[in-house]
Protein backbone atom coordinates (compact mmCIF):
# COMPACT_ATOMS: atom_id res chain seq x y z
CA MET A 1 90.73 161.31 11.89
CA ASN A 2 90.60 162.19 7.67
CA ILE A 3 86.67 161.66 8.20
CA PHE A 4 86.85 164.59 10.15
CA LYS A 5 89.07 167.00 8.12
CA SER A 6 86.95 165.70 4.95
CA ALA A 7 83.68 166.67 6.71
CA PHE A 8 85.29 169.81 7.78
CA ASN A 9 86.56 171.13 4.40
CA TYR A 10 83.38 169.71 3.11
CA LEU A 11 81.68 172.55 5.35
CA ILE A 12 83.87 175.38 5.00
CA THR A 13 83.46 174.97 1.20
CA ARG A 14 79.69 174.68 1.23
CA TYR A 15 78.62 177.21 3.93
CA THR A 16 80.58 180.75 4.83
CA LYS A 17 81.73 181.11 8.25
CA ILE A 18 78.54 183.12 9.60
CA GLN A 19 76.18 180.53 8.30
CA LEU A 20 78.56 177.91 10.50
CA LEU A 21 78.45 179.86 13.41
CA ILE A 22 74.79 180.35 13.81
CA ILE A 23 74.18 176.58 13.15
CA LEU A 24 76.66 175.61 15.91
CA VAL A 25 74.67 178.20 17.96
CA ILE A 26 71.36 176.93 17.19
CA ILE A 27 73.01 172.98 17.70
CA VAL A 28 74.42 174.66 20.90
CA PHE A 29 71.09 176.33 22.11
CA ALA A 30 68.71 172.97 21.24
CA PHE A 31 70.79 170.66 22.74
CA PHE A 32 72.25 172.14 25.88
CA ILE A 33 70.62 175.81 26.74
CA SER A 34 66.78 175.00 26.30
CA GLU A 35 64.25 173.68 28.64
CA SER A 36 64.03 170.78 26.67
CA ASN A 37 67.80 169.94 26.69
CA ILE A 38 69.23 166.63 26.52
CA PHE A 39 70.27 166.01 29.51
CA SER A 40 66.43 166.65 31.13
CA ARG A 41 65.54 164.20 28.58
CA PHE A 42 67.97 161.33 29.92
CA GLY A 43 66.17 162.27 33.47
CA TYR A 44 62.85 162.46 32.04
CA ASP A 45 63.40 158.99 30.41
CA ALA A 46 64.98 157.25 33.67
CA LYS A 47 61.34 158.82 35.20
CA ILE A 48 59.47 157.16 32.91
CA ILE A 49 61.10 154.08 33.40
CA GLU A 50 60.32 154.30 37.00
CA LEU A 51 56.77 155.06 37.00
CA ASN A 52 56.56 151.96 34.65
CA SER A 53 58.08 149.74 37.07
CA GLN A 54 55.75 150.94 39.78
CA ILE A 55 52.36 150.50 37.25
CA GLU A 56 53.29 147.03 36.89
CA TYR A 57 53.73 146.78 40.91
CA TYR A 58 50.67 148.22 41.54
CA GLN A 59 48.72 146.31 38.68
CA ASN A 60 50.60 143.04 40.40
CA LYS A 61 49.21 143.90 44.08
CA THR A 62 46.11 144.41 42.34
CA ILE A 63 45.54 141.41 41.21
CA GLU A 64 46.64 139.75 44.33
CA ASP A 65 44.55 141.47 46.62
CA LYS A 66 41.41 140.96 44.24
CA GLN A 67 42.59 137.26 44.87
CA LYS A 68 42.39 137.66 48.59
CA LEU A 69 39.40 139.50 48.49
CA GLN A 70 37.30 137.03 46.45
CA GLU A 71 39.01 134.13 48.97
CA LEU A 72 37.82 136.06 52.15
CA GLN A 73 34.38 136.21 50.47
CA SER A 74 34.31 133.09 49.34
CA ASP A 75 34.72 131.32 52.95
CA LYS A 76 33.75 131.85 56.26
CA ASP A 77 36.65 129.90 57.94
CA ARG A 78 39.32 132.44 55.81
CA ILE A 79 37.63 135.51 56.91
CA GLU A 80 38.00 134.33 60.49
CA LYS A 81 41.80 133.19 59.59
CA PHE A 82 42.32 136.86 58.57
CA ALA A 83 40.63 138.42 61.58
CA ARG A 84 42.49 136.60 63.97
CA GLU A 85 45.83 137.28 62.21
CA ASN A 86 45.82 140.90 60.94
CA TYR A 87 43.31 142.31 63.75
CA LEU A 88 44.05 140.47 66.87
CA MET A 89 40.63 138.94 67.67
CA LYS A 90 39.56 136.10 69.06
CA LYS A 91 36.59 134.71 70.38
CA PRO A 92 35.29 135.06 74.13
CA ASP A 93 36.42 131.76 75.76
CA GLU A 94 39.92 131.94 74.09
CA ASP A 95 43.50 133.60 74.97
CA VAL A 96 45.51 135.37 72.65
CA PHE A 97 49.47 135.14 73.01
CA ILE A 98 51.36 137.10 70.93
CA VAL A 99 55.26 135.87 70.33
CA GLU A 100 57.82 138.00 68.69
């Protein structure tokens, strides 16, 4: 509490009340009223964190998909397996049963 009193006394002796009022108005405007206020800043920081996590997710997903594509391009059996699993394709002489 003494720190606040000493800081208040220092400000009163150094500046006039008009100057302190102007400084206070500027601080309030800068931090709370302007478009780039402190609350917007916290919101922007949260959005940046969210977008960075999405970037990381999609980069990992891209790496996985490139590996799958490379596997599909290198082996005919894998292409056939992929088509059977994802597109329910079959050979003319077989029957496919879907179990849910």
